[in-house]
């Protein structure tokens, strides 16, 4: 196992030499291009992925095809959908897609269960599991209790004056549809808050967007 992998996942470095050797022998390194399906709803869980390079975007799809982004798995992080499926012996209940070229180290279920007996690995898994649950609770609160125009205004802030993004990408990020996001953006433009051009949004009045977002401290 490379030192880069151990640096990303320090819990692996804390394993006993025998446990690290088992992990190395049983795991499989996989390279996937951007946009590849890592897992999908109702599929059997294929193992526990360590992200070495790239990123996985985890989403929930509606029967109508709308997508709600749940979280991203970056190098050094874990996927709680995969963790939950492995712990509960259930199928996936969300989908994972690579955002860019991605390298994974996939640990089979049998070895995942064996490594849970190792305190460093078990503590690492449940610590990040707890953090992801907190993130998801915040997402639920945003979707359930915050107006979409406020969420959109907040999403535009914090990325500089010029955003290179499509309306569809914004809709995907917010769990909405492109037509609604386009209508809201046109409303922002009519108010002099933004200037719209092809795949580009220029922020003209960030203070006005902050008022809509209800976050006076956003920048």
N, C-alpha and C. Protein backbone atom coordinates (compact mmCIF):
# COMPACT_ATOMS: atom_id res chain seq x y z
N UNK A 1 0.86 -1.20 0.00
CA UNK A 1 0.00 0.00 0.00
C UNK A 1 0.89 1.24 0.00
N UNK A 2 0.58 2.16 -0.89
CA UNK A 2 1.45 3.32 -1.05
C UNK A 2 1.35 4.25 0.14
N UNK A 3 2.40 5.06 0.32
CA UNK A 3 2.38 6.04 1.41
C UNK A 3 1.32 7.11 1.15
N UNK A 4 1.02 7.38 -0.15
CA UNK A 4 -0.02 8.36 -0.46
C UNK A 4 -1.37 7.89 0.06
N UNK A 5 -1.65 6.60 -0.11
CA UNK A 5 -2.92 6.06 0.38
C UNK A 5 -2.99 6.15 1.89
N UNK A 6 -1.92 5.82 2.56
CA UNK A 6 -1.89 5.87 4.02
C UNK A 6 -2.01 7.31 4.51
N UNK A 7 -1.47 8.26 3.73
CA UNK A 7 -1.58 9.67 4.13
C UNK A 7 -3.02 10.14 4.00
N UNK A 8 -3.74 9.67 2.97
CA UNK A 8 -5.13 10.04 2.80
C UNK A 8 -6.02 9.42 3.87
N UNK A 9 -5.72 8.20 4.24
CA UNK A 9 -6.52 7.46 5.22
C UNK A 9 -5.63 7.01 6.37
N UNK A 10 -5.33 7.90 7.31
CA UNK A 10 -4.41 7.57 8.41
C UNK A 10 -4.86 6.35 9.22
N UNK A 11 -6.16 6.08 9.24
CA UNK A 11 -6.64 4.92 10.00
C UNK A 11 -6.03 3.63 9.47
N UNK A 12 -5.71 3.59 8.18
CA UNK A 12 -5.11 2.38 7.61
C UNK A 12 -3.67 2.21 8.10
N UNK A 13 -3.00 3.34 8.30
CA UNK A 13 -1.63 3.29 8.80
C UNK A 13 -1.59 2.78 10.24
N UNK A 14 -2.71 2.99 10.97
CA UNK A 14 -2.78 2.57 12.36
C UNK A 14 -3.15 1.10 12.51
N UNK A 15 -3.48 0.42 11.40
CA UNK A 15 -3.81 -1.00 11.47
C UNK A 15 -2.57 -1.83 11.77
N UNK A 16 -2.80 -3.01 12.27
CA UNK A 16 -1.68 -3.93 12.48
C UNK A 16 -1.10 -4.33 11.13
N UNK A 17 0.17 -4.70 11.07
CA UNK A 17 0.76 -5.12 9.79
C UNK A 17 -0.03 -6.24 9.12
N UNK A 18 -0.55 -7.17 9.93
CA UNK A 18 -1.31 -8.28 9.37
C UNK A 18 -2.60 -7.79 8.72
N UNK A 19 -3.26 -6.84 9.38
CA UNK A 19 -4.51 -6.30 8.83
C UNK A 19 -4.25 -5.51 7.55
N UNK A 20 -3.17 -4.73 7.53
CA UNK A 20 -2.83 -3.99 6.32
C UNK A 20 -2.52 -4.94 5.17
N UNK A 21 -1.85 -6.03 5.47
CA UNK A 21 -1.52 -7.01 4.44
C UNK A 21 -2.79 -7.65 3.88
N UNK A 22 -3.76 -7.95 4.74
CA UNK A 22 -5.03 -8.52 4.28
C UNK A 22 -5.76 -7.53 3.39
N UNK A 23 -5.76 -6.27 3.78
CA UNK A 23 -6.45 -5.25 3.00
C UNK A 23 -5.81 -5.12 1.62
N UNK A 24 -4.49 -5.12 1.59
CA UNK A 24 -3.78 -4.97 0.32
C UNK A 24 -4.07 -6.13 -0.61
N UNK A 25 -4.12 -7.35 -0.06
CA UNK A 25 -4.34 -8.54 -0.88
C UNK A 25 -5.78 -8.63 -1.39
N UNK A 26 -6.72 -8.17 -0.59
CA UNK A 26 -8.14 -8.36 -0.94
C UNK A 26 -8.73 -7.20 -1.74
N UNK A 27 -8.16 -6.00 -1.65
CA UNK A 27 -8.74 -4.83 -2.32
C UNK A 27 -8.33 -4.78 -3.79
N UNK A 28 -9.10 -4.02 -4.55
CA UNK A 28 -8.87 -3.88 -5.98
C UNK A 28 -8.85 -2.41 -6.36
N UNK A 29 -7.84 -1.99 -7.09
CA UNK A 29 -7.77 -0.60 -7.54
C UNK A 29 -8.49 -0.48 -8.88
N UNK A 30 -9.36 0.52 -8.97
CA UNK A 30 -10.17 0.72 -10.17
C UNK A 30 -10.04 2.17 -10.63
N UNK A 31 -9.85 2.37 -11.92
CA UNK A 31 -9.81 3.71 -12.51
C UNK A 31 -11.06 3.91 -13.35
N UNK A 32 -11.77 5.01 -13.12
CA UNK A 32 -13.01 5.30 -13.83
C UNK A 32 -12.93 6.68 -14.47
N UNK A 33 -13.50 6.84 -15.66
CA UNK A 33 -13.51 8.16 -16.30
C UNK A 33 -14.59 9.05 -15.69
N UNK A 34 -14.54 10.32 -15.98
CA UNK A 34 -15.57 11.25 -15.51
C UNK A 34 -16.93 10.82 -16.05
N UNK A 35 -17.96 10.91 -15.20
CA UNK A 35 -19.31 10.56 -15.61
C UNK A 35 -19.64 9.09 -15.51
N UNK A 36 -18.74 8.28 -14.97
CA UNK A 36 -18.99 6.84 -14.86
C UNK A 36 -19.89 6.55 -13.66
N UNK A 37 -20.75 5.54 -13.81
CA UNK A 37 -21.63 5.11 -12.72
C UNK A 37 -20.82 4.22 -11.79
N UNK A 38 -20.65 4.64 -10.55
CA UNK A 38 -19.94 3.84 -9.56
C UNK A 38 -20.89 2.84 -8.92
N UNK A 39 -22.08 3.30 -8.58
CA UNK A 39 -23.13 2.41 -8.07
C UNK A 39 -24.48 3.05 -8.35
N UNK A 40 -25.54 2.24 -8.30
CA UNK A 40 -26.87 2.75 -8.60
C UNK A 40 -27.88 2.15 -7.64
N UNK A 41 -29.03 2.81 -7.54
CA UNK A 41 -30.08 2.35 -6.63
C UNK A 41 -30.50 0.92 -6.97
N UNK A 42 -30.77 0.17 -5.92
CA UNK A 42 -31.28 -1.20 -6.01
C UNK A 42 -30.22 -2.21 -6.46
N UNK A 43 -29.00 -1.75 -6.68
CA UNK A 43 -27.91 -2.68 -6.97
C UNK A 43 -27.36 -3.25 -5.67
N UNK A 44 -26.80 -4.43 -5.76
CA UNK A 44 -26.12 -5.01 -4.62
C UNK A 44 -24.82 -4.25 -4.37
N UNK A 45 -24.51 -4.02 -3.09
CA UNK A 45 -23.30 -3.28 -2.74
C UNK A 45 -22.07 -4.08 -3.13
N UNK A 46 -21.20 -3.45 -3.92
CA UNK A 46 -20.05 -4.18 -4.45
C UNK A 46 -18.80 -4.07 -3.60
N UNK A 47 -18.82 -3.31 -2.52
CA UNK A 47 -17.64 -3.17 -1.68
C UNK A 47 -17.52 -1.77 -1.13
N UNK A 48 -16.49 -1.54 -0.35
CA UNK A 48 -16.28 -0.25 0.29
C UNK A 48 -15.21 0.52 -0.49
N UNK A 49 -15.56 1.71 -1.04
CA UNK A 49 -14.61 2.45 -1.87
C UNK A 49 -13.79 3.47 -1.07
N UNK A 50 -12.48 3.38 -1.21
CA UNK A 50 -11.59 4.46 -0.77
C UNK A 50 -11.27 5.30 -2.00
N UNK A 51 -11.53 6.60 -1.94
CA UNK A 51 -11.26 7.48 -3.08
C UNK A 51 -9.81 7.95 -2.99
N UNK A 52 -9.01 7.55 -3.97
CA UNK A 52 -7.60 7.95 -4.01
C UNK A 52 -7.39 9.22 -4.84
N UNK A 53 -8.15 9.34 -5.92
CA UNK A 53 -8.10 10.52 -6.78
C UNK A 53 -9.50 10.77 -7.32
N UNK A 54 -9.81 12.04 -7.62
CA UNK A 54 -11.09 12.36 -8.21
C UNK A 54 -12.17 12.62 -7.18
N UNK A 55 -13.42 12.32 -7.54
CA UNK A 55 -14.55 12.57 -6.64
C UNK A 55 -15.77 11.79 -7.11
N UNK A 56 -16.59 11.37 -6.15
CA UNK A 56 -17.86 10.71 -6.45
C UNK A 56 -18.98 11.64 -5.99
N UNK A 57 -19.93 11.88 -6.86
CA UNK A 57 -21.12 12.67 -6.53
C UNK A 57 -22.25 11.70 -6.23
N UNK A 58 -22.77 11.75 -5.01
CA UNK A 58 -23.83 10.83 -4.59
C UNK A 58 -25.16 11.57 -4.69
N UNK A 59 -26.11 10.98 -5.40
CA UNK A 59 -27.38 11.64 -5.68
C UNK A 59 -28.55 10.70 -5.42
N UNK A 60 -29.72 11.29 -5.19
CA UNK A 60 -30.97 10.56 -5.09
C UNK A 60 -31.85 11.00 -6.24
N UNK A 61 -32.37 10.04 -7.02
CA UNK A 61 -33.20 10.35 -8.18
C UNK A 61 -34.67 10.09 -7.87
N UNK A 62 -35.52 10.97 -8.39
CA UNK A 62 -36.96 10.78 -8.27
C UNK A 62 -37.45 9.95 -9.45
N UNK A 63 -38.67 9.37 -9.36
CA UNK A 63 -39.21 8.62 -10.51
C UNK A 63 -39.34 9.47 -11.76
N UNK A 64 -39.46 10.80 -11.59
CA UNK A 64 -39.56 11.71 -12.74
C UNK A 64 -38.20 12.10 -13.31
N UNK A 65 -37.13 11.63 -12.70
CA UNK A 65 -35.80 11.90 -13.22
C UNK A 65 -35.09 13.07 -12.58
N UNK A 66 -35.73 13.75 -11.62
CA UNK A 66 -35.05 14.83 -10.92
C UNK A 66 -33.99 14.25 -10.00
N UNK A 67 -32.94 15.05 -9.78
CA UNK A 67 -31.82 14.60 -8.95
C UNK A 67 -31.64 15.53 -7.77
N UNK A 68 -31.37 14.96 -6.62
CA UNK A 68 -31.03 15.73 -5.43
C UNK A 68 -29.63 15.33 -5.00
N UNK A 69 -28.65 16.23 -5.12
CA UNK A 69 -27.29 15.89 -4.65
C UNK A 69 -27.28 15.71 -3.13
N UNK A 70 -26.72 14.63 -2.68
CA UNK A 70 -26.63 14.36 -1.25
C UNK A 70 -25.29 14.80 -0.68
N UNK A 71 -24.21 14.41 -1.32
CA UNK A 71 -22.87 14.79 -0.87
C UNK A 71 -21.86 14.34 -1.91
N UNK A 72 -20.62 14.77 -1.72
CA UNK A 72 -19.52 14.33 -2.56
C UNK A 72 -18.53 13.54 -1.70
N UNK A 73 -17.92 12.54 -2.30
CA UNK A 73 -16.86 11.78 -1.62
C UNK A 73 -15.54 12.16 -2.27
N UNK A 74 -14.70 12.83 -1.50
CA UNK A 74 -13.40 13.28 -1.98
C UNK A 74 -12.32 12.35 -1.45
N UNK A 75 -11.08 12.45 -1.97
CA UNK A 75 -9.99 11.63 -1.43
C UNK A 75 -9.85 11.82 0.08
N UNK A 76 -9.75 10.71 0.79
CA UNK A 76 -9.64 10.73 2.25
C UNK A 76 -10.97 10.63 2.96
N UNK A 77 -12.09 10.64 2.20
CA UNK A 77 -13.42 10.57 2.80
C UNK A 77 -14.07 9.22 2.53
N UNK A 78 -15.22 8.99 3.17
CA UNK A 78 -15.94 7.73 2.98
C UNK A 78 -17.35 8.02 2.49
N UNK A 79 -17.99 6.98 1.95
CA UNK A 79 -19.34 7.06 1.43
C UNK A 79 -20.28 6.37 2.40
N UNK A 80 -21.21 7.14 3.02
CA UNK A 80 -22.08 6.52 4.03
C UNK A 80 -23.15 5.65 3.38
N UNK A 81 -23.47 5.90 2.11
CA UNK A 81 -24.41 5.00 1.44
C UNK A 81 -23.79 3.61 1.33
N UNK A 82 -22.52 3.55 0.91
CA UNK A 82 -21.83 2.26 0.84
C UNK A 82 -21.67 1.65 2.23
N UNK A 83 -21.30 2.48 3.20
CA UNK A 83 -21.13 1.99 4.57
C UNK A 83 -22.44 1.41 5.10
N UNK A 84 -23.54 2.15 4.92
CA UNK A 84 -24.83 1.68 5.40
C UNK A 84 -25.26 0.38 4.75
N UNK A 85 -25.01 0.26 3.44
CA UNK A 85 -25.37 -0.98 2.74
C UNK A 85 -24.55 -2.16 3.24
N UNK A 86 -23.28 -1.94 3.49
CA UNK A 86 -22.42 -3.02 3.97
C UNK A 86 -22.80 -3.44 5.39
N UNK A 87 -23.09 -2.45 6.23
CA UNK A 87 -23.45 -2.77 7.60
C UNK A 87 -24.82 -3.45 7.68
N UNK A 88 -25.75 -3.00 6.83
CA UNK A 88 -27.11 -3.54 6.90
C UNK A 88 -27.38 -4.66 5.91
N UNK A 89 -26.39 -5.01 5.09
CA UNK A 89 -26.56 -6.06 4.07
C UNK A 89 -27.77 -5.75 3.18
N UNK A 90 -27.84 -4.50 2.71
CA UNK A 90 -28.93 -4.05 1.85
C UNK A 90 -28.37 -3.55 0.52
N UNK A 91 -29.27 -3.32 -0.42
CA UNK A 91 -28.87 -2.75 -1.71
C UNK A 91 -28.66 -1.24 -1.57
N UNK A 92 -28.03 -0.67 -2.58
CA UNK A 92 -27.84 0.78 -2.59
C UNK A 92 -29.19 1.49 -2.63
N UNK A 93 -29.30 2.62 -1.92
CA UNK A 93 -30.52 3.42 -1.95
C UNK A 93 -30.26 4.81 -2.55
N UNK A 94 -29.15 4.95 -3.24
CA UNK A 94 -28.81 6.18 -3.95
C UNK A 94 -27.83 5.80 -5.06
N UNK A 95 -27.44 6.79 -5.85
CA UNK A 95 -26.52 6.55 -6.97
C UNK A 95 -25.25 7.35 -6.79
N UNK A 96 -24.16 6.81 -7.31
CA UNK A 96 -22.88 7.50 -7.26
C UNK A 96 -22.27 7.61 -8.64
N UNK A 97 -21.85 8.82 -9.02
CA UNK A 97 -21.28 9.08 -10.35
C UNK A 97 -19.97 9.85 -10.18
N UNK A 98 -18.96 9.48 -10.94
CA UNK A 98 -17.69 10.20 -10.86
C UNK A 98 -17.84 11.58 -11.47
N UNK A 99 -17.28 12.59 -10.81
CA UNK A 99 -17.31 13.96 -11.34
C UNK A 99 -16.14 14.23 -12.27
N UNK A 100 -15.07 13.50 -12.11
CA UNK A 100 -13.91 13.61 -12.98
C UNK A 100 -13.20 12.26 -12.94
N UNK A 101 -12.10 12.13 -13.67
CA UNK A 101 -11.37 10.86 -13.65
C UNK A 101 -11.05 10.50 -12.20
N UNK A 102 -11.39 9.28 -11.83
CA UNK A 102 -11.35 8.89 -10.42
C UNK A 102 -10.68 7.54 -10.25
N UNK A 103 -9.87 7.43 -9.21
CA UNK A 103 -9.23 6.17 -8.85
C UNK A 103 -9.75 5.72 -7.49
N UNK A 104 -10.22 4.48 -7.43
CA UNK A 104 -10.78 3.93 -6.20
C UNK A 104 -9.98 2.70 -5.78
N UNK A 105 -9.92 2.49 -4.47
CA UNK A 105 -9.45 1.24 -3.91
C UNK A 105 -10.67 0.61 -3.26
N UNK A 106 -11.15 -0.49 -3.82
CA UNK A 106 -12.42 -1.10 -3.38
C UNK A 106 -12.13 -2.30 -2.50
N UNK A 107 -12.66 -2.24 -1.29
CA UNK A 107 -12.49 -3.30 -0.29
C UNK A 107 -13.74 -4.18 -0.31
N UNK A 108 -13.61 -5.50 -0.51
CA UNK A 108 -14.80 -6.36 -0.53
C UNK A 108 -15.49 -6.43 0.83
N UNK A 109 -16.75 -6.80 0.81
CA UNK A 109 -17.55 -6.77 2.02
C UNK A 109 -16.97 -7.64 3.13
N UNK A 110 -16.48 -8.81 2.80
CA UNK A 110 -15.96 -9.73 3.82
C UNK A 110 -14.79 -9.11 4.57
N UNK A 111 -13.90 -8.41 3.83
CA UNK A 111 -12.74 -7.80 4.48
C UNK A 111 -13.14 -6.53 5.22
N UNK A 112 -14.14 -5.80 4.70
CA UNK A 112 -14.67 -4.64 5.42
C UNK A 112 -15.17 -5.07 6.80
N UNK A 113 -15.95 -6.13 6.86
CA UNK A 113 -16.48 -6.61 8.13
C UNK A 113 -15.36 -7.09 9.05
N UNK A 114 -14.34 -7.69 8.47
CA UNK A 114 -13.21 -8.14 9.28
C UNK A 114 -12.45 -6.96 9.88
N UNK A 115 -12.26 -5.91 9.08
CA UNK A 115 -11.50 -4.76 9.56
C UNK A 115 -12.25 -3.96 10.62
N UNK A 116 -13.58 -4.10 10.68
CA UNK A 116 -14.34 -3.40 11.72
C UNK A 116 -13.95 -3.88 13.12
N UNK A 117 -13.32 -5.03 13.20
CA UNK A 117 -12.83 -5.52 14.49
C UNK A 117 -11.59 -4.76 14.94
N UNK A 118 -10.98 -4.01 14.02
CA UNK A 118 -9.80 -3.21 14.34
C UNK A 118 -10.26 -1.82 14.80
N UNK A 119 -9.91 -1.44 16.02
CA UNK A 119 -10.40 -0.18 16.60
C UNK A 119 -10.11 1.05 15.74
N UNK A 120 -8.89 1.22 15.19
CA UNK A 120 -8.62 2.43 14.38
C UNK A 120 -9.55 2.53 13.16
N UNK A 121 -9.77 1.42 12.49
CA UNK A 121 -10.63 1.41 11.31
C UNK A 121 -12.08 1.66 11.71
N UNK A 122 -12.53 1.00 12.76
CA UNK A 122 -13.92 1.16 13.21
C UNK A 122 -14.18 2.60 13.65
N UNK A 123 -13.25 3.20 14.38
CA UNK A 123 -13.43 4.59 14.83
C UNK A 123 -13.46 5.55 13.65
N UNK A 124 -12.62 5.30 12.66
CA UNK A 124 -12.57 6.13 11.46
C UNK A 124 -13.91 6.07 10.71
N UNK A 125 -14.43 4.87 10.51
CA UNK A 125 -15.68 4.70 9.78
C UNK A 125 -16.83 5.41 10.48
N UNK A 126 -16.96 5.22 11.77
CA UNK A 126 -18.11 5.78 12.46
C UNK A 126 -17.96 7.28 12.71
N UNK A 127 -16.74 7.77 12.78
CA UNK A 127 -16.53 9.21 12.91
C UNK A 127 -16.99 9.94 11.64
N UNK A 128 -16.57 9.45 10.48
CA UNK A 128 -16.99 10.08 9.24
C UNK A 128 -18.47 9.82 8.96
N UNK A 129 -18.98 8.68 9.41
CA UNK A 129 -20.40 8.39 9.27
C UNK A 129 -21.21 9.45 10.01
N UNK A 130 -20.76 9.79 11.22
CA UNK A 130 -21.45 10.81 12.02
C UNK A 130 -21.42 12.17 11.32
N UNK A 131 -20.27 12.54 10.75
CA UNK A 131 -20.15 13.81 10.05
C UNK A 131 -21.08 13.87 8.85
N UNK A 132 -21.18 12.79 8.09
CA UNK A 132 -22.04 12.76 6.92
C UNK A 132 -23.51 12.88 7.32
N UNK A 133 -23.90 12.23 8.41
CA UNK A 133 -25.28 12.31 8.87
C UNK A 133 -25.62 13.76 9.20
N UNK A 134 -24.71 14.45 9.87
CA UNK A 134 -24.93 15.86 10.20
C UNK A 134 -25.10 16.69 8.93
N UNK A 135 -24.28 16.43 7.89
CA UNK A 135 -24.39 17.14 6.62
C UNK A 135 -25.74 16.89 5.96
N UNK A 136 -26.20 15.63 6.02
CA UNK A 136 -27.47 15.29 5.39
C UNK A 136 -28.65 15.93 6.13
N UNK A 137 -28.56 16.02 7.45
CA UNK A 137 -29.61 16.67 8.21
C UNK A 137 -29.70 18.15 7.83
N UNK A 138 -28.54 18.78 7.61
CA UNK A 138 -28.53 20.18 7.17
C UNK A 138 -29.16 20.31 5.79
N UNK A 139 -28.87 19.34 4.90
CA UNK A 139 -29.47 19.36 3.56
C UNK A 139 -30.98 19.22 3.64
N UNK A 140 -31.46 18.31 4.48
CA UNK A 140 -32.90 18.13 4.65
C UNK A 140 -33.55 19.42 5.13
N UNK A 141 -32.91 20.08 6.07
CA UNK A 141 -33.44 21.34 6.59
C UNK A 141 -33.50 22.40 5.49
N UNK A 142 -32.46 22.45 4.66
CA UNK A 142 -32.43 23.43 3.57
C UNK A 142 -33.57 23.18 2.59
N UNK A 143 -33.72 21.92 2.17
CA UNK A 143 -34.73 21.60 1.16
C UNK A 143 -36.14 21.77 1.72
N UNK A 144 -36.34 21.38 2.97
CA UNK A 144 -37.69 21.38 3.53
C UNK A 144 -38.15 22.75 3.99
N UNK A 145 -37.24 23.59 4.50
CA UNK A 145 -37.67 24.80 5.18
C UNK A 145 -37.18 26.11 4.56
N UNK A 146 -36.33 26.03 3.54
CA UNK A 146 -35.78 27.25 2.96
C UNK A 146 -36.25 27.43 1.53
N UNK A 147 -36.71 28.62 1.19
CA UNK A 147 -37.20 28.88 -0.16
C UNK A 147 -36.10 28.70 -1.19
N UNK A 148 -36.51 28.30 -2.40
CA UNK A 148 -35.53 28.01 -3.44
C UNK A 148 -34.79 29.27 -3.86
N UNK A 149 -35.46 30.43 -3.89
CA UNK A 149 -34.74 31.65 -4.30
C UNK A 149 -33.63 31.98 -3.30
N UNK A 150 -33.88 31.73 -2.01
CA UNK A 150 -32.85 31.97 -1.00
C UNK A 150 -31.70 30.98 -1.15
N UNK A 151 -32.03 29.74 -1.44
CA UNK A 151 -30.99 28.73 -1.62
C UNK A 151 -30.16 29.03 -2.86
N UNK A 152 -30.81 29.48 -3.93
CA UNK A 152 -30.09 29.82 -5.15
C UNK A 152 -29.18 31.01 -4.93
N UNK A 153 -29.69 32.05 -4.27
CA UNK A 153 -28.86 33.23 -3.99
C UNK A 153 -27.65 32.85 -3.16
N UNK A 154 -27.86 32.02 -2.15
CA UNK A 154 -26.76 31.57 -1.30
C UNK A 154 -25.74 30.76 -2.10
N UNK A 155 -26.24 29.94 -3.01
CA UNK A 155 -25.36 29.09 -3.82
C UNK A 155 -24.49 29.91 -4.76
N UNK A 156 -25.01 31.05 -5.23
CA UNK A 156 -24.23 31.89 -6.16
C UNK A 156 -23.10 32.62 -5.45
N UNK A 157 -23.27 32.86 -4.16
CA UNK A 157 -22.28 33.62 -3.40
C UNK A 157 -21.09 32.75 -3.02
N UNK A 158 -19.97 33.42 -2.79
CA UNK A 158 -18.79 32.72 -2.28
C UNK A 158 -17.89 32.14 -3.34
N UNK A 159 -18.16 32.42 -4.63
CA UNK A 159 -17.34 31.84 -5.71
C UNK A 159 -16.73 32.91 -6.60
N UNK A 160 -16.68 34.14 -6.10
CA UNK A 160 -16.16 35.22 -6.92
C UNK A 160 -17.29 35.89 -7.70
N UNK A 161 -16.89 36.90 -8.47
CA UNK A 161 -17.89 37.69 -9.21
C UNK A 161 -18.41 36.97 -10.45
N UNK A 162 -17.63 36.07 -11.01
CA UNK A 162 -18.01 35.43 -12.26
C UNK A 162 -18.12 33.91 -12.05
N UNK A 163 -19.28 33.35 -12.35
CA UNK A 163 -19.49 31.91 -12.23
C UNK A 163 -19.66 31.32 -13.62
N UNK A 164 -18.92 30.28 -13.91
CA UNK A 164 -19.04 29.58 -15.18
C UNK A 164 -19.83 28.30 -14.91
N UNK A 165 -21.12 28.39 -15.11
CA UNK A 165 -22.02 27.29 -14.75
C UNK A 165 -23.28 27.38 -15.59
N UNK A 166 -23.88 26.24 -15.89
CA UNK A 166 -25.14 26.23 -16.64
C UNK A 166 -26.32 26.24 -15.68
N UNK A 167 -27.48 26.62 -16.19
CA UNK A 167 -28.68 26.59 -15.37
C UNK A 167 -29.01 25.16 -14.95
N UNK A 168 -28.72 24.20 -15.83
CA UNK A 168 -28.99 22.80 -15.49
C UNK A 168 -28.09 22.34 -14.34
N UNK A 169 -26.83 22.76 -14.37
CA UNK A 169 -25.93 22.39 -13.28
C UNK A 169 -26.40 22.96 -11.95
N UNK A 170 -26.88 24.20 -11.97
CA UNK A 170 -27.41 24.80 -10.75
C UNK A 170 -28.64 24.05 -10.28
N UNK A 171 -29.50 23.68 -11.21
CA UNK A 171 -30.71 22.93 -10.85
C UNK A 171 -30.33 21.59 -10.21
N UNK A 172 -29.34 20.92 -10.78
CA UNK A 172 -28.90 19.64 -10.22
C UNK A 172 -28.36 19.82 -8.81
N UNK A 173 -27.59 20.89 -8.60
CA UNK A 173 -27.01 21.13 -7.29
C UNK A 173 -28.10 21.42 -6.24
N UNK A 174 -29.17 22.05 -6.68
CA UNK A 174 -30.22 22.47 -5.74
C UNK A 174 -31.36 21.47 -5.66
N UNK A 175 -31.31 20.41 -6.46
CA UNK A 175 -32.39 19.43 -6.45
C UNK A 175 -33.67 19.98 -7.05
N UNK A 176 -33.54 20.86 -8.04
CA UNK A 176 -34.70 21.47 -8.68
C UNK A 176 -34.68 21.12 -10.16
N UNK A 177 -35.45 21.89 -10.96
CA UNK A 177 -35.47 21.70 -12.41
C UNK A 177 -34.99 22.96 -13.08
N UNK A 178 -34.47 22.81 -14.29
CA UNK A 178 -33.82 23.93 -14.98
C UNK A 178 -34.77 25.09 -15.21
N UNK A 179 -36.01 24.80 -15.57
CA UNK A 179 -36.96 25.86 -15.89
C UNK A 179 -37.18 26.80 -14.69
N UNK A 180 -37.29 26.22 -13.50
CA UNK A 180 -37.52 27.04 -12.31
C UNK A 180 -36.28 27.88 -12.00
N UNK A 181 -35.10 27.26 -12.09
CA UNK A 181 -33.86 27.99 -11.82
C UNK A 181 -33.69 29.12 -12.83
N UNK A 182 -33.98 28.86 -14.11
CA UNK A 182 -33.88 29.90 -15.14
C UNK A 182 -34.82 31.06 -14.83
N UNK A 183 -36.04 30.75 -14.40
CA UNK A 183 -36.99 31.81 -14.07
C UNK A 183 -36.50 32.65 -12.89
N UNK A 184 -35.94 32.00 -11.88
CA UNK A 184 -35.43 32.74 -10.73
C UNK A 184 -34.23 33.60 -11.12
N UNK A 185 -33.35 33.07 -11.96
CA UNK A 185 -32.18 33.84 -12.40
C UNK A 185 -32.60 35.06 -13.22
N UNK A 186 -33.60 34.88 -14.06
CA UNK A 186 -34.09 36.02 -14.82
C UNK A 186 -34.68 37.08 -13.90
N UNK A 187 -35.33 36.62 -12.83
CA UNK A 187 -35.83 37.57 -11.84
C UNK A 187 -34.69 38.31 -11.15
N UNK A 188 -33.62 37.58 -10.83
CA UNK A 188 -32.44 38.24 -10.24
C UNK A 188 -31.86 39.27 -11.21
N UNK A 189 -31.83 38.90 -12.51
CA UNK A 189 -31.27 39.80 -13.51
C UNK A 189 -32.14 41.06 -13.64
N UNK A 190 -33.46 40.87 -13.62
CA UNK A 190 -34.37 42.01 -13.72
C UNK A 190 -34.20 42.98 -12.54
N UNK A 191 -33.79 42.44 -11.39
CA UNK A 191 -33.57 43.27 -10.20
C UNK A 191 -32.17 43.89 -10.20
N UNK A 192 -31.37 43.60 -11.21
CA UNK A 192 -30.02 44.14 -11.26
C UNK A 192 -29.04 43.44 -10.35
N UNK A 193 -29.37 42.21 -9.93
CA UNK A 193 -28.48 41.47 -9.01
C UNK A 193 -27.40 40.71 -9.77
N UNK A 194 -27.74 40.21 -10.97
CA UNK A 194 -26.80 39.41 -11.76
C UNK A 194 -26.93 39.82 -13.22
N UNK A 195 -25.91 39.45 -14.00
CA UNK A 195 -25.97 39.59 -15.46
C UNK A 195 -25.77 38.19 -16.04
N UNK A 196 -26.68 37.77 -16.91
CA UNK A 196 -26.66 36.42 -17.44
C UNK A 196 -26.11 36.40 -18.86
N UNK A 197 -25.28 35.42 -19.14
CA UNK A 197 -24.83 35.14 -20.50
C UNK A 197 -24.66 33.63 -20.61
N UNK A 198 -24.29 33.15 -21.76
CA UNK A 198 -24.23 31.72 -22.00
C UNK A 198 -23.24 31.03 -21.04
N UNK A 199 -23.77 30.11 -20.23
CA UNK A 199 -22.98 29.33 -19.27
C UNK A 199 -22.13 30.22 -18.37
N UNK A 200 -22.67 31.41 -18.07
CA UNK A 200 -21.91 32.36 -17.26
C UNK A 200 -22.87 33.27 -16.49
N UNK A 201 -22.57 33.50 -15.23
CA UNK A 201 -23.38 34.40 -14.40
C UNK A 201 -22.43 35.36 -13.70
N UNK A 202 -22.65 36.65 -13.92
CA UNK A 202 -21.85 37.67 -13.26
C UNK A 202 -22.66 38.28 -12.12
N UNK A 203 -22.06 38.32 -10.95
CA UNK A 203 -22.73 38.91 -9.79
C UNK A 203 -22.54 40.42 -9.82
N UNK A 204 -23.64 41.17 -9.93
CA UNK A 204 -23.60 42.62 -9.99
C UNK A 204 -23.81 43.23 -8.61
N UNK A 205 -24.69 42.60 -7.82
CA UNK A 205 -25.05 43.15 -6.51
C UNK A 205 -25.02 42.02 -5.46
N UNK A 206 -23.82 41.63 -5.01
CA UNK A 206 -23.75 40.56 -4.01
C UNK A 206 -24.51 40.88 -2.72
N UNK A 207 -24.54 42.15 -2.34
CA UNK A 207 -25.26 42.53 -1.12
C UNK A 207 -26.75 42.23 -1.27
N UNK A 208 -27.30 42.49 -2.46
CA UNK A 208 -28.70 42.17 -2.70
C UNK A 208 -28.96 40.67 -2.65
N UNK A 209 -28.03 39.89 -3.19
CA UNK A 209 -28.17 38.43 -3.11
C UNK A 209 -28.09 37.95 -1.67
N UNK A 210 -27.23 38.60 -0.88
CA UNK A 210 -27.12 38.20 0.53
C UNK A 210 -28.44 38.47 1.26
N UNK A 211 -29.10 39.55 0.91
CA UNK A 211 -30.40 39.85 1.55
C UNK A 211 -31.42 38.75 1.21
N UNK A 212 -31.44 38.33 -0.05
CA UNK A 212 -32.36 37.26 -0.45
C UNK A 212 -31.99 35.96 0.24
N UNK A 213 -30.68 35.71 0.33
CA UNK A 213 -30.22 34.48 0.98
C UNK A 213 -30.47 34.49 2.48
N UNK A 214 -30.67 35.68 3.03
CA UNK A 214 -30.88 35.76 4.48
C UNK A 214 -29.62 35.52 5.25
N UNK A 215 -28.48 35.80 4.61
CA UNK A 215 -27.17 35.56 5.22
C UNK A 215 -26.31 36.81 5.04
N UNK A 216 -26.39 37.79 5.92
CA UNK A 216 -25.64 39.03 5.75
C UNK A 216 -24.12 38.83 5.81
N UNK A 217 -23.69 37.69 6.31
CA UNK A 217 -22.25 37.47 6.42
C UNK A 217 -21.65 36.76 5.22
N UNK A 218 -22.50 36.33 4.25
CA UNK A 218 -21.97 35.62 3.11
C UNK A 218 -21.16 36.57 2.24
N UNK A 219 -20.13 36.03 1.57
CA UNK A 219 -19.28 36.85 0.71
C UNK A 219 -19.17 36.23 -0.67
